[in-house]
Amino acid sequence: MAESMKGLHRSHRCTEVSNKNIGETVTVMGWVQKRRNLGSLIFIDLRDRSGLLQVVFDENDVKAEGFAKAETLRSEFVIAVVGKVTKREAAVNENLATGDIEIRATELRILSEALTPPFPIEENTSSKDDLRLKYRYLDLRRPNLQKNLILRSNVATLVRTFLAEEGFLEIETPVLTKSTPEGARDYLVPSRVHPGNFYALPQSPQLFKQLLMCSGYDRYFQIVKCFRDEDLRADRQPEFTQIDMEMSFVDVDDVIDVNERLLAKMFKESIGVDVKLPIQRMTYKEAMDRFGSDKPDTRFGMELKDVSDIVKNCGFGVFTGALENGGSVRGINANGQGDMPRKKIDALVEFAKGYGAKGLAYLSINEDGTYKSSFAKFMSEEELKALVDAMEGKPGDLLLFAADKNDTVFAVLGALRIHIADGLGLLDKNQFNFLWVTEFPLLEYSEEEERFVAKHHPFTMPMEEDLQYLDSDPARVRAKAYDIVLNGTEIGGGSVRIYQSDVQEKMFEVLGFSKEDAYDRFGFLLNAFKYGVPPHAGLAYGLDRLIMLMAKEDSIREVIAFPKVKDASCLMTDAPNVVDAKQLEELAIAISKAEETTEE
C-alpha cells in the first residue's frame, strides 16, 4: 500500500551522495532497480535520473516493520529511504559513481508499488522497438535514454545562453498559420469559426522571422517545433525541433562566424569535443564531384574520380554509351578490398541498382599486378593501365565504376562509398567532421511539375554575379545558401534572403508564379517589404539530428521523449485516432470513405 511523503524531504539525488557525506544522515528517493535478499541483510539498488546508489537494510538497524517492508520490494517500486552514509566494507563497484559508499537504512516508505515491467529497465536493452515505444514512459527510465534527454536539455540551455550573449532575442512565432504549399506537405488544422478554412502547422518559422527583421529586431532566435507531413526515416519525424535564427545587416561570413563559435561552445561544454575553427568550406559542385553528395562524410577517403576522358574511346559500350548520352563515368577505389569475393561484389551491384544504377563495373587489382574485371576484355592493356593510374589503384585494391546520367552516378557512388565504409568500420562515431557546403544551385527542375522549383525556398538570394542568368539559364544560377554538415548528415542550413522587390518578383516569375499567385501566397511578406527591409540572412539547425550525432545514436527516436513511428503514429497514445461525430459537425467536416468492392 502506498505511503505518504509527509514529513520527508529529499536531501540528495542518488549520485549527489558521495564519500564526502560519510557519517551524515540523508534522505533519498527513487525507483528500485534490483533487490538482493541475504537473510538478515537486504540490498537495494536505488535509481533516479542521476544514477544508482546502494541501500542496505540490516535487521539490526531498521525496525521490524521496516525490514518486513523491505522484503516486499520489487523492481520499479518507488521508495523513500532515510539512512546513514557509510563506506562500503567490501564489494566496491568501480563502475558506479557511488560504488565506494552505501546507505545504511533506518527508515523506509513505499511511495508507490509497481507491476512487473514488460521489459527490463536497463541500458542497451534488446527489447523490440515497438514494445519500447508502446511503453515509452517505462523506456524513458532507462539510463541511456535519460542521458540523451539530459544532453538535449543541456545543449538547449547552452544555445540560449550563447545567443543571448550575442545579442539575439528569443521571440515566439505562431503555430497556427497560413498554408503556403511550396515544398513538403503541410499538416492542416480545420477552423471551427471559419468553416471550410484551414490553418497550417508551420514547416518552419521562415516567413515570420523575416518579418521580424522587417520590424527591426535585428537578431532573432527560437527553439521551435516544426511540422512536415512527409515520409519518415531514421533521422526524420512529422514533428521536429529547430534551433532557428535570423540576423539583419549581414552576409554569408557573418552568419558562419556566429555559428562556428556556437558549435564550438556547444560541443566543448556538453560532450567535451574541441571543434577546430574555422570549419572547412566546400562548394556544392566540389562536394558532388568529390563525394557524390551535397552532405559528404569526410571521415574517410574513397573519393569519386571522373574517368570520362580516359574511357571515351574505349571498346566498352556501357562507358561510351553513357558519355554519348551526356552522362559521365566515375569510380571509387575501395583500398585493400581487391580480394572481395564475387558474391559480395554482386551484392554491391544490387545495392547500386537500388539507387538507379543499371549495373556496376568493377576491376580488382591482384597482388601480382594483374586484373580481374567485368570489362577488361573490352579494353587494351594501355587503356586499363591509364584507368588504374587515374584511380590511384595499387595491388590489393578494388575499383568500382558507375556510368550513367550525372545525377544517377552521383547518387550511386555517393551511397556506395558510405555503404562500403560502414561495412569496413570506417564510420567512427567518436570522430566529428564538420563541413560547410556553399553555393548551392538556386533552382532545380521538377519533371513532375514541369517547372523550376526552389532548391531551398523562394526567398533565397542568388549570387550577384549569376543574376544575369535567371532568364537565360536558370539552372546555372547559384544561391547564397549554406549547409552545415556533420559526418555526412546535414544538421543545419540557411541562406542570405532576397530583400530587393525586383529580384523577388523575378524569382517568382522563374518559379512560374504570376504576380497574383505570389501575393495570394506570400502577400503579407511582400507588402512588409514595401516599408523598408534590411539585408538579412539566417540559419536553422535540426536539433534532433544534432543531438542524435552528439549522443552517437543511429536514430532521432533515441533523443526525442515521445517520438512517432514510420507511419507517423504514436504507439503509446494510439494517435492519430477517430474523433467524435459532434466535433466533425462543429468543424463542418464530413469523412468520405472509399466504397468497399467485392469480387463476384
Foldseek 3Di string as FASTA:
>chain_A
DADDCPPPDFPDEALVDAPVQAFHKGKYKAWFQDWDPPDQKIWTFGDDLVGTAIEIEGPVQEPPVQVVVSVPDDGGFIKMFIFGKHFDPDQQDPVDSHRGIHGHTHHMGGRGHDDDDPFRQEPPGPDDPLSCLQPLVSVCRRNLLSLLQVLLVVLVVLLVVLVVVVLADEDDDDQFADDQPADFDWDWAFDLVDFPDTTTGAQDCVLVQQLVLLVPSFKYWYFDKHAGDDFDDQADFRIFTKTWMKGFPDALVVQLVSVQVSVQSSCCVRPNDGDDPPAAEAAQVRCCQFQLDLFAQPLDHQTKFWCLVLCCPFQDCLSVVLVVVVATKIKTKAALQLVPDPVVVVVLQVVLVVLPAPGKWKWRQAQVRDIDTPCVVRGDPVSVVVVCVSNVHDHRMMMIMTGHHSNSRSSRRNVSVVVVCVVVVSQDLVDKRKYKYFFAQQWDADPVVRAIGGPVHLFFAWDPVCLVCLPPPSRPITTQKMFMHISSHTFKIKHWTDLDLVSSCSSCVRRVHDPVRCCVNSVVSSVSSVVPGGGMMIMMGRSLVVSCSSSVHRGSVSNDSNGADRNNARSNVRPPDDDDPVVCVSSVHDDDDDDDDDDD
